[in-house]
Amino acid sequence: MSRLGSGLPDLRVRKRRAELMDDPDLQLDLHLDALRALARVNWVSLGSLRLG
């Protein structure tokens, strides 16, 4: 991976992979459940950082 002068990775050259959201047969209710679960995990993680 190429790097910029600041030492940060150059994300312009990253190749994008197909994601679940790209699937035309995506089941919206399952995707919504997954997003809600991720939001709960993030909420718990942020809470533990505050208590840290």
Protein backbone atom coordinates (compact mmCIF):
# COMPACT_ATOMS: atom_id res chain seq x y z
CA MET A 1 0.00 0.00 0.00
CA SER A 2 1.37 3.38 -0.90
CA ARG A 3 1.77 5.96 1.83
CA LEU A 4 1.39 9.69 1.96
CA GLY A 5 4.09 11.90 3.41
CA SER A 6 2.32 12.04 6.78
CA GLY A 7 2.64 8.28 7.24
CA LEU A 8 -1.08 7.67 6.68
CA PRO A 9 -2.16 4.98 4.20
CA ASP A 10 -3.28 6.22 0.80
CA LEU A 11 -6.87 4.96 0.64
CA ARG A 12 -7.39 6.19 -2.91
CA VAL A 13 -5.84 2.99 -4.28
CA ARG A 14 -7.92 0.61 -2.13
CA LYS A 15 -10.02 -1.83 -4.14
CA ARG A 16 -13.62 -2.01 -3.02
CA ARG A 17 -15.08 -5.43 -2.33
CA ALA A 18 -18.73 -6.25 -2.88
CA GLU A 19 -20.74 -5.93 0.30
CA LEU A 20 -23.98 -7.39 1.57
CA MET A 21 -25.76 -4.14 0.76
CA ASP A 22 -24.82 -4.61 -2.91
CA ASP A 23 -26.93 -7.78 -3.11
CA PRO A 24 -30.13 -7.08 -5.07
CA ASP A 25 -31.89 -9.88 -3.15
CA LEU A 26 -31.08 -8.33 0.23
CA GLN A 27 -33.68 -9.08 2.87
CA LEU A 28 -34.29 -5.68 4.41
CA ASP A 29 -35.64 -7.01 7.71
CA LEU A 30 -32.49 -9.08 8.30
CA HIS A 31 -30.29 -6.14 7.37
CA LEU A 32 -32.19 -3.87 9.76
CA ASP A 33 -31.78 -6.42 12.57
CA ALA A 34 -28.03 -6.56 11.88
CA LEU A 35 -27.74 -2.76 11.94
CA ARG A 36 -29.62 -2.59 15.24
CA ALA A 37 -27.37 -5.26 16.75
CA LEU A 38 -24.29 -3.34 15.60
CA ALA A 39 -25.69 -0.16 17.13
CA ARG A 40 -26.16 -1.98 20.46
CA VAL A 41 -22.58 -3.27 20.37
CA ASN A 42 -21.29 0.23 19.62
CA TRP A 43 -23.39 1.69 22.45
CA VAL A 44 -22.01 -0.86 24.94
CA SER A 45 -18.45 -0.28 23.71
CA LEU A 46 -18.76 3.48 24.10
CA GLY A 47 -20.22 3.02 27.57
CA SER A 48 -17.30 0.87 28.66
CA LEU A 49 -14.86 3.50 27.37
CA ARG A 50 -16.57 6.16 29.48
CA LEU A 51 -16.31 3.99 32.59
CA GLY A 52 -12.76 2.94 31.67
